[in-house]
Amino acid sequence: MAVMEPPGTGGTRGTGGTGGTGGTRGTSGTPAPAAPAITRVSDEIEAWVEQDGDKTLGSLVDVFKEKSFAVLFLFLLGLPALPLPTGGATHVLEIIAMLLSLQLIVGRKQIWLPQRWLRLELAGTKQQKFVNGLLKVIRWFERWTRPRFRTAFEHRVSSSVFGVLILLLSIAAFVAPPFSGLDTLPALGGVVVSLAVLVEDFALLIVGLAIGVVGVILEIVIGKAALAGIKKLF
């Protein structure tokens, strides 16, 4: 029901009222503030890739600051998580992920890495196929993500727990035999867990853990079968 204004007190209303084009007015007559736009993780990464300057591990840390740990895990574990032939070349990335996870466990807020590692190229013409594949994976999961049970990510030990999870999943990816493809699921689990931390989605965190656990189980089962087959040969 419209509220009529007493004669002489309302004056001429602008377009910001309820009947105009300016949106809904609050009780004081001012337009209600617009909801803040939600920036997706994939959009932030794509903006970093397209901006001028180096695309090194160190520049990524400088741009993402407090998000650097989780964003770096997306890149470091993203390559072994993709179905691309790497032949053990990802071991360096997994070692860096282990070192970073240990820093989270002990409570570090800032990343420390040797200068040689900070100069590691993460994006560019040679890495374009990897970056495009990683963005596709992240965007697929972003379709279903939203903040859920955010208090779990605000606890003082949440960063240490995050570090433990990434450390275990990185080790699982590291010990997988080259060219076996068994590092894919543990690494993908680490990517999903990292994305869950960035968007503060506890349900997605559980999904990431489930993916990682399945990968570890496959490593154990297939590893035992391979050992049994080798023993039969001798």
C-alpha atoms as a PDB file:
ATOM      1  CA  MET A   1       0.000   0.000   0.000  1.00  0.00           C
ATOM      2  CA  ALA A   2       1.408   3.424  -0.948  1.00  0.00           C
ATOM      3  CA  VAL A   3       1.899   5.928   1.847  1.00  0.00           C
ATOM      4  CA  MET A   4       0.420   9.338   1.002  1.00  0.00           C
ATOM      5  CA  GLU A   5       2.399  12.420   1.956  1.00  0.00           C
ATOM      6  CA  PRO A   6       0.621  15.314   3.634  1.00  0.00           C
ATOM      7  CA  PRO A   7       0.072  18.288   1.299  1.00  0.00           C
ATOM      8  CA  GLY A   8       2.922  20.739   1.290  1.00  0.00           C
ATOM      9  CA  THR A   9       5.440  18.580   3.141  1.00  0.00           C
ATOM     10  CA  GLY A  10       6.612  16.093   0.549  1.00  0.00           C
ATOM     11  CA  GLY A  11       7.595  18.458  -2.242  1.00  0.00           C
ATOM     12  CA  THR A  12       8.579  17.001  -5.550  1.00  0.00           C
ATOM     13  CA  ARG A  13      10.178  13.620  -5.325  1.00  0.00           C
ATOM     14  CA  GLY A  14      13.174  12.658  -7.517  1.00  0.00           C
ATOM     15  CA  THR A  15      13.700   9.419  -9.278  1.00  0.00           C
ATOM     16  CA  GLY A  16      15.273   7.790  -6.246  1.00  0.00           C
ATOM     17  CA  GLY A  17      11.913   6.961  -4.597  1.00  0.00           C
ATOM     18  CA  THR A  18      10.003   3.732  -4.697  1.00  0.00           C
ATOM     19  CA  GLY A  19       8.155   4.676  -7.851  1.00  0.00           C
ATOM     20  CA  GLY A  20      11.268   5.843  -9.739  1.00  0.00           C
ATOM     21  CA  THR A  21      14.190   4.061 -11.264  1.00  0.00           C
ATOM     22  CA  GLY A  22      16.637   4.490  -8.418  1.00  0.00           C
ATOM     23  CA  GLY A  23      15.707   1.340  -6.524  1.00  0.00           C
ATOM     24  CA  THR A  24      14.120   0.805  -3.096  1.00  0.00           C
ATOM     25  CA  ARG A  25      14.391   3.575  -0.491  1.00  0.00           C
ATOM     26  CA  GLY A  26      15.141   2.946   3.128  1.00  0.00           C
ATOM     27  CA  THR A  27      13.135   4.463   5.969  1.00  0.00           C
ATOM     28  CA  SER A  28      15.210   7.656   5.805  1.00  0.00           C
ATOM     29  CA  GLY A  29      14.460   8.150   2.106  1.00  0.00           C
ATOM     30  CA  THR A  30      17.963   7.210   0.918  1.00  0.00           C
ATOM     31  CA  PRO A  31      18.492   4.384  -1.577  1.00  0.00           C
ATOM     32  CA  ALA A  32      19.436   1.014  -0.057  1.00  0.00           C
ATOM     33  CA  PRO A  33      23.137   0.207  -0.628  1.00  0.00           C
ATOM     34  CA  ALA A  34      23.853  -2.267  -3.397  1.00  0.00           C
ATOM     35  CA  ALA A  35      25.194  -5.677  -2.421  1.00  0.00           C
ATOM     36  CA  PRO A  36      28.984  -5.880  -2.857  1.00  0.00           C
ATOM     37  CA  ALA A  37      30.134  -7.797  -5.925  1.00  0.00           C
ATOM     38  CA  ILE A  38      31.616 -11.210  -5.190  1.00  0.00           C
ATOM     39  CA  THR A  39      35.068 -11.649  -6.700  1.00  0.00           C
ATOM     40  CA  ARG A  40      35.794 -15.213  -7.710  1.00  0.00           C
ATOM     41  CA  VAL A  41      39.182 -16.780  -7.093  1.00  0.00           C
ATOM     42  CA  SER A  42      39.475 -17.700 -10.780  1.00  0.00           C
ATOM     43  CA  ASP A  43      38.872 -14.074 -11.776  1.00  0.00           C
ATOM     44  CA  GLU A  44      41.612 -12.869  -9.414  1.00  0.00           C
ATOM     45  CA  ILE A  45      44.076 -15.413 -10.803  1.00  0.00           C
ATOM     46  CA  GLU A  46      43.158 -14.555 -14.398  1.00  0.00           C
ATOM     47  CA  ALA A  47      43.672 -10.837 -13.664  1.00  0.00           C
ATOM     48  CA  TRP A  48      47.121 -11.619 -12.252  1.00  0.00           C
ATOM     49  CA  VAL A  49      48.009 -13.697 -15.308  1.00  0.00           C
ATOM     50  CA  GLU A  50      46.915 -10.942 -17.725  1.00  0.00           C
ATOM     51  CA  GLN A  51      48.579  -8.026 -15.931  1.00  0.00           C
ATOM     52  CA  ASP A  52      52.011  -6.756 -16.913  1.00  0.00           C
ATOM     53  CA  GLY A  53      55.119  -7.909 -15.088  1.00  0.00           C
ATOM     54  CA  ASP A  54      56.701 -11.178 -14.039  1.00  0.00           C
ATOM     55  CA  LYS A  55      54.520 -14.218 -13.432  1.00  0.00           C
ATOM     56  CA  THR A  56      56.784 -15.785 -10.846  1.00  0.00           C
ATOM     57  CA  LEU A  57      56.079 -17.419  -7.530  1.00  0.00           C
ATOM     58  CA  GLY A  58      57.395 -14.299  -5.804  1.00  0.00           C
ATOM     59  CA  SER A  59      55.105 -11.925  -7.724  1.00  0.00           C
ATOM     60  CA  LEU A  60      52.129 -14.112  -6.839  1.00  0.00           C
ATOM     61  CA  VAL A  61      53.008 -13.742  -3.149  1.00  0.00           C
ATOM     62  CA  ASP A  62      53.255  -9.949  -3.550  1.00  0.00           C
ATOM     63  CA  VAL A  63      49.831  -9.689  -5.209  1.00  0.00           C
ATOM     64  CA  PHE A  64      47.752 -12.034  -3.059  1.00  0.00           C
ATOM     65  CA  LYS A  65      49.436 -11.279   0.304  1.00  0.00           C
ATOM     66  CA  GLU A  66      47.365 -12.954   3.083  1.00  0.00           C
ATOM     67  CA  LYS A  67      45.814 -15.351   0.531  1.00  0.00           C
ATOM     68  CA  SER A  68      49.243 -16.350  -0.772  1.00  0.00           C
ATOM     69  CA  PHE A  69      49.491 -19.730   0.982  1.00  0.00           C
ATOM     70  CA  ALA A  70      46.219 -21.069  -0.420  1.00  0.00           C
ATOM     71  CA  VAL A  71      46.711 -19.522  -3.879  1.00  0.00           C
ATOM     72  CA  LEU A  72      50.229 -20.965  -4.127  1.00  0.00           C
ATOM     73  CA  PHE A  73      48.896 -24.421  -3.245  1.00  0.00           C
ATOM     74  CA  LEU A  74      46.462 -24.069  -6.179  1.00  0.00           C
ATOM     75  CA  PHE A  75      49.415 -23.594  -8.538  1.00  0.00           C
ATOM     76  CA  LEU A  76      51.893 -25.964  -6.907  1.00  0.00           C
ATOM     77  CA  LEU A  77      49.456 -28.878  -6.711  1.00  0.00           C
ATOM     78  CA  GLY A  78      47.480 -27.830  -9.770  1.00  0.00           C
ATOM     79  CA  LEU A  79      49.986 -29.240 -12.260  1.00  0.00           C
ATOM     80  CA  PRO A  80      50.084 -32.790 -10.809  1.00  0.00           C
ATOM     81  CA  ALA A  81      46.288 -32.573 -10.413  1.00  0.00           C
ATOM     82  CA  LEU A  82      45.773 -32.157 -14.146  1.00  0.00           C
ATOM     83  CA  PRO A  83      45.798 -35.179 -16.497  1.00  0.00           C
ATOM     84  CA  LEU A  84      49.011 -34.029 -18.163  1.00  0.00           C
ATOM     85  CA  PRO A  85      52.158 -36.161 -18.615  1.00  0.00           C
ATOM     86  CA  THR A  86      54.824 -34.768 -16.253  1.00  0.00           C
ATOM     87  CA  GLY A  87      57.056 -37.775 -15.573  1.00  0.00           C
ATOM     88  CA  GLY A  88      58.066 -36.733 -12.069  1.00  0.00           C
ATOM     89  CA  ALA A  89      58.779 -33.108 -13.046  1.00  0.00           C
ATOM     90  CA  THR A  90      56.181 -32.011 -10.486  1.00  0.00           C
ATOM     91  CA  HIS A  91      58.268 -33.282  -7.556  1.00  0.00           C
ATOM     92  CA  VAL A  92      59.891 -29.858  -7.140  1.00  0.00           C
ATOM     93  CA  LEU A  93      56.470 -28.221  -6.892  1.00  0.00           C
ATOM     94  CA  GLU A  94      55.327 -30.791  -4.340  1.00  0.00           C
ATOM     95  CA  ILE A  95      58.463 -30.213  -2.235  1.00  0.00           C
ATOM     96  CA  ILE A  96      57.749 -26.473  -2.218  1.00  0.00           C
ATOM     97  CA  ALA A  97      54.153 -27.204  -1.178  1.00  0.00           C
ATOM     98  CA  MET A  98      55.459 -29.332   1.713  1.00  0.00           C
ATOM     99  CA  LEU A  99      57.753 -26.540   2.877  1.00  0.00           C
ATOM    100  CA  LEU A 100      54.928 -24.005   2.771  1.00  0.00           C
ATOM    101  CA  SER A 101      52.584 -26.347   4.634  1.00  0.00           C
ATOM    102  CA  LEU A 102      55.180 -26.749   7.397  1.00  0.00           C
ATOM    103  CA  GLN A 103      55.284 -22.964   7.720  1.00  0.00           C
ATOM    104  CA  LEU A 104      51.512 -22.930   8.185  1.00  0.00           C
ATOM    105  CA  ILE A 105      51.724 -25.659  10.805  1.00  0.00           C
ATOM    106  CA  VAL A 106      54.202 -23.675  12.931  1.00  0.00           C
ATOM    107  CA  GLY A 107      52.043 -20.571  12.653  1.00  0.00           C
ATOM    108  CA  ARG A 108      53.891 -18.384  10.140  1.00  0.00           C
ATOM    109  CA  LYS A 109      51.803 -15.613   8.593  1.00  0.00           C
ATOM    110  CA  GLN A 110      54.278 -14.670   5.876  1.00  0.00           C
ATOM    111  CA  ILE A 111      55.807 -16.932   3.257  1.00  0.00           C
ATOM    112  CA  TRP A 112      59.535 -17.635   3.267  1.00  0.00           C
ATOM    113  CA  LEU A 113      61.188 -19.358   0.345  1.00  0.00           C
ATOM    114  CA  PRO A 114      64.701 -19.274  -1.141  1.00  0.00           C
ATOM    115  CA  GLN A 115      65.148 -16.571  -3.792  1.00  0.00           C
ATOM    116  CA  ARG A 116      65.763 -19.245  -6.423  1.00  0.00           C
ATOM    117  CA  TRP A 117      62.307 -20.697  -5.835  1.00  0.00           C
ATOM    118  CA  LEU A 118      60.658 -17.263  -5.755  1.00  0.00           C
ATOM    119  CA  ARG A 119      61.894 -16.751  -9.333  1.00  0.00           C
ATOM    120  CA  LEU A 120      60.080 -19.899 -10.498  1.00  0.00           C
ATOM    121  CA  GLU A 121      57.802 -19.105 -13.462  1.00  0.00           C
ATOM    122  CA  LEU A 122      54.176 -20.056 -12.786  1.00  0.00           C
ATOM    123  CA  ALA A 123      52.508 -18.511 -15.823  1.00  0.00           C
ATOM    124  CA  GLY A 124      53.504 -17.415 -19.293  1.00  0.00           C
ATOM    125  CA  THR A 125      53.499 -18.672 -22.854  1.00  0.00           C
ATOM    126  CA  LYS A 126      55.064 -22.016 -21.902  1.00  0.00           C
ATOM    127  CA  GLN A 127      52.656 -22.534 -19.000  1.00  0.00           C
ATOM    128  CA  GLN A 128      49.507 -21.299 -20.783  1.00  0.00           C
ATOM    129  CA  LYS A 129      48.044 -24.784 -21.239  1.00  0.00           C
ATOM    130  CA  PHE A 130      48.510 -25.508 -17.542  1.00  0.00           C
ATOM    131  CA  VAL A 131      46.991 -22.170 -16.447  1.00  0.00           C
ATOM    132  CA  ASN A 132      43.958 -22.625 -18.702  1.00  0.00           C
ATOM    133  CA  GLY A 133      43.408 -26.145 -17.382  1.00  0.00           C
ATOM    134  CA  LEU A 134      43.736 -24.994 -13.772  1.00  0.00           C
ATOM    135  CA  LEU A 135      41.252 -22.152 -14.297  1.00  0.00           C
ATOM    136  CA  LYS A 136      38.749 -24.591 -15.831  1.00  0.00           C
ATOM    137  CA  VAL A 137      38.994 -26.870 -12.791  1.00  0.00           C
ATOM    138  CA  ILE A 138      38.628 -23.960 -10.342  1.00  0.00           C
ATOM    139  CA  ARG A 139      35.658 -22.487 -12.221  1.00  0.00           C
ATOM    140  CA  TRP A 140      33.885 -25.840 -12.304  1.00  0.00           C
ATOM    141  CA  PHE A 141      34.063 -26.073  -8.520  1.00  0.00           C
ATOM    142  CA  GLU A 142      33.156 -22.382  -8.097  1.00  0.00           C
ATOM    143  CA  ARG A 143      29.773 -23.105  -9.655  1.00  0.00           C
ATOM    144  CA  TRP A 144      28.811 -24.974  -6.497  1.00  0.00           C
ATOM    145  CA  THR A 145      30.680 -23.037  -3.804  1.00  0.00           C
ATOM    146  CA  ARG A 146      29.451 -20.496  -1.301  1.00  0.00           C
ATOM    147  CA  PRO A 147      30.525 -19.584   2.240  1.00  0.00           C
ATOM    148  CA  ARG A 148      29.418 -22.386   4.595  1.00  0.00           C
ATOM    149  CA  PHE A 149      30.298 -22.856   8.280  1.00  0.00           C
ATOM    150  CA  ARG A 150      32.761 -19.959   8.114  1.00  0.00           C
ATOM    151  CA  THR A 151      33.545 -20.171  11.831  1.00  0.00           C
ATOM    152  CA  ALA A 152      35.607 -23.297  11.114  1.00  0.00           C
ATOM    153  CA  PHE A 153      38.041 -21.142   9.136  1.00  0.00           C
ATOM    154  CA  GLU A 154      38.248 -18.400  11.758  1.00  0.00           C
ATOM    155  CA  HIS A 155      39.571 -20.588  14.586  1.00  0.00           C
ATOM    156  CA  ARG A 156      43.139 -19.862  15.687  1.00  0.00           C
ATOM    157  CA  VAL A 157      44.312 -23.399  14.799  1.00  0.00           C
ATOM    158  CA  SER A 158      42.564 -23.537  11.416  1.00  0.00           C
ATOM    159  CA  SER A 159      45.731 -22.492   9.541  1.00  0.00           C
ATOM    160  CA  SER A 160      47.743 -25.250  11.216  1.00  0.00           C
ATOM    161  CA  VAL A 161      45.079 -27.836  10.356  1.00  0.00           C
ATOM    162  CA  PHE A 162      45.100 -26.566   6.770  1.00  0.00           C
ATOM    163  CA  GLY A 163      48.877 -26.996   6.721  1.00  0.00           C
ATOM    164  CA  VAL A 164      48.645 -30.585   8.002  1.00  0.00           C
ATOM    165  CA  LEU A 165      46.100 -31.518   5.319  1.00  0.00           C
ATOM    166  CA  ILE A 166      48.181 -30.036   2.505  1.00  0.00           C
ATOM    167  CA  LEU A 167      51.352 -31.670   3.858  1.00  0.00           C
ATOM    168  CA  LEU A 168      49.755 -35.136   3.859  1.00  0.00           C
ATOM    169  CA  LEU A 169      48.234 -34.708   0.402  1.00  0.00           C
ATOM    170  CA  SER A 170      51.526 -33.348  -0.994  1.00  0.00           C
ATOM    171  CA  ILE A 171      53.438 -36.328   0.397  1.00  0.00           C
ATOM    172  CA  ALA A 172      50.863 -38.694  -1.129  1.00  0.00           C
ATOM    173  CA  ALA A 173      51.311 -37.029  -4.531  1.00  0.00           C
ATOM    174  CA  PHE A 174      55.093 -37.013  -4.164  1.00  0.00           C
ATOM    175  CA  VAL A 175      55.460 -40.753  -3.475  1.00  0.00           C
ATOM    176  CA  ALA A 176      53.298 -41.776  -6.444  1.00  0.00           C
ATOM    177  CA  PRO A 177      55.396 -43.520  -9.127  1.00  0.00           C
ATOM    178  CA  PRO A 178      56.174 -41.366 -12.207  1.00  0.00           C
ATOM    179  CA  PHE A 179      53.841 -41.781 -15.198  1.00  0.00           C
ATOM    180  CA  SER A 180      51.404 -43.780 -13.024  1.00  0.00           C
ATOM    181  CA  GLY A 181      48.839 -40.994 -12.735  1.00  0.00           C
ATOM    182  CA  LEU A 182      48.380 -41.886  -9.068  1.00  0.00           C
ATOM    183  CA  ASP A 183      49.446 -38.406  -7.982  1.00  0.00           C
ATOM    184  CA  THR A 184      46.400 -36.847  -9.658  1.00  0.00           C
ATOM    185  CA  LEU A 185      43.764 -37.451  -6.972  1.00  0.00           C
ATOM    186  CA  PRO A 186      45.880 -36.496  -3.911  1.00  0.00           C
ATOM    187  CA  ALA A 187      47.002 -33.324  -5.705  1.00  0.00           C
ATOM    188  CA  LEU A 188      43.446 -32.543  -6.825  1.00  0.00           C
ATOM    189  CA  GLY A 189      42.324 -33.015  -3.235  1.00  0.00           C
ATOM    190  CA  GLY A 190      44.894 -30.407  -2.194  1.00  0.00           C
ATOM    191  CA  VAL A 191      43.645 -27.991  -4.866  1.00  0.00           C
ATOM    192  CA  VAL A 192      40.028 -28.373  -3.736  1.00  0.00           C
ATOM    193  CA  VAL A 193      40.955 -27.995  -0.049  1.00  0.00           C
ATOM    194  CA  SER A 194      42.876 -24.807  -0.870  1.00  0.00           C
ATOM    195  CA  LEU A 195      39.954 -23.428  -2.864  1.00  0.00           C
ATOM    196  CA  ALA A 196      37.633 -24.255   0.041  1.00  0.00           C
ATOM    197  CA  VAL A 197      39.848 -22.225   2.391  1.00  0.00           C
ATOM    198  CA  LEU A 198      39.826 -19.267  -0.003  1.00  0.00           C
ATOM    199  CA  VAL A 199      36.010 -19.211  -0.312  1.00  0.00           C
ATOM    200  CA  GLU A 200      35.438 -20.448   3.277  1.00  0.00           C
ATOM    201  CA  ASP A 201      33.242 -23.361   2.219  1.00  0.00           C
ATOM    202  CA  PHE A 202      33.399 -26.222   4.729  1.00  0.00           C
ATOM    203  CA  ALA A 203      31.353 -28.536   2.479  1.00  0.00           C
ATOM    204  CA  LEU A 204      33.904 -28.103  -0.306  1.00  0.00           C
ATOM    205  CA  LEU A 205      36.663 -28.839   2.203  1.00  0.00           C
ATOM    206  CA  ILE A 206      35.055 -32.199   2.942  1.00  0.00           C
ATOM    207  CA  VAL A 207      34.837 -32.900  -0.807  1.00  0.00           C
ATOM    208  CA  GLY A 208      38.546 -32.138  -1.187  1.00  0.00           C
ATOM    209  CA  LEU A 209      39.438 -34.445   1.678  1.00  0.00           C
ATOM    210  CA  ALA A 210      37.318 -37.223   0.183  1.00  0.00           C
ATOM    211  CA  ILE A 211      39.086 -36.876  -3.178  1.00  0.00           C
ATOM    212  CA  GLY A 212      42.467 -36.993  -1.473  1.00  0.00           C
ATOM    213  CA  VAL A 213      41.576 -40.038   0.642  1.00  0.00           C
ATOM    214  CA  VAL A 214      40.371 -41.931  -2.431  1.00  0.00           C
ATOM    215  CA  GLY A 215      43.673 -41.120  -4.121  1.00  0.00           C
ATOM    216  CA  VAL A 216      45.689 -42.400  -1.163  1.00  0.00           C
ATOM    217  CA  ILE A 217      43.649 -45.616  -1.043  1.00  0.00           C
ATOM    218  CA  LEU A 218      44.261 -46.184  -4.757  1.00  0.00           C
ATOM    219  CA  GLU A 219      47.997 -45.684  -4.248  1.00  0.00           C
ATOM    220  CA  ILE A 220      48.042 -48.276  -1.456  1.00  0.00           C
ATOM    221  CA  VAL A 221      45.911 -50.852  -3.299  1.00  0.00           C
ATOM    222  CA  ILE A 222      47.703 -50.528  -6.642  1.00  0.00           C
ATOM    223  CA  GLY A 223      51.080 -50.358  -4.914  1.00  0.00           C
ATOM    224  CA  LYS A 224      50.438 -53.614  -3.067  1.00  0.00           C
ATOM    225  CA  ALA A 225      49.271 -55.278  -6.280  1.00  0.00           C
ATOM    226  CA  ALA A 226      52.412 -54.111  -8.094  1.00  0.00           C
ATOM    227  CA  LEU A 227      54.670 -55.430  -5.333  1.00  0.00           C
ATOM    228  CA  ALA A 228      52.875 -58.766  -5.359  1.00  0.00           C
ATOM    229  CA  GLY A 229      53.359 -59.006  -9.122  1.00  0.00           C
ATOM    230  CA  ILE A 230      57.079 -58.228  -8.808  1.00  0.00           C
ATOM    231  CA  LYS A 231      57.517 -60.891  -6.122  1.00  0.00           C
ATOM    232  CA  LYS A 232      55.916 -63.508  -8.382  1.00  0.00           C
ATOM    233  CA  LEU A 233      58.465 -62.721 -11.079  1.00  0.00           C
ATOM    234  CA  PHE A 234      61.292 -63.606  -8.709  1.00  0.00           C
END
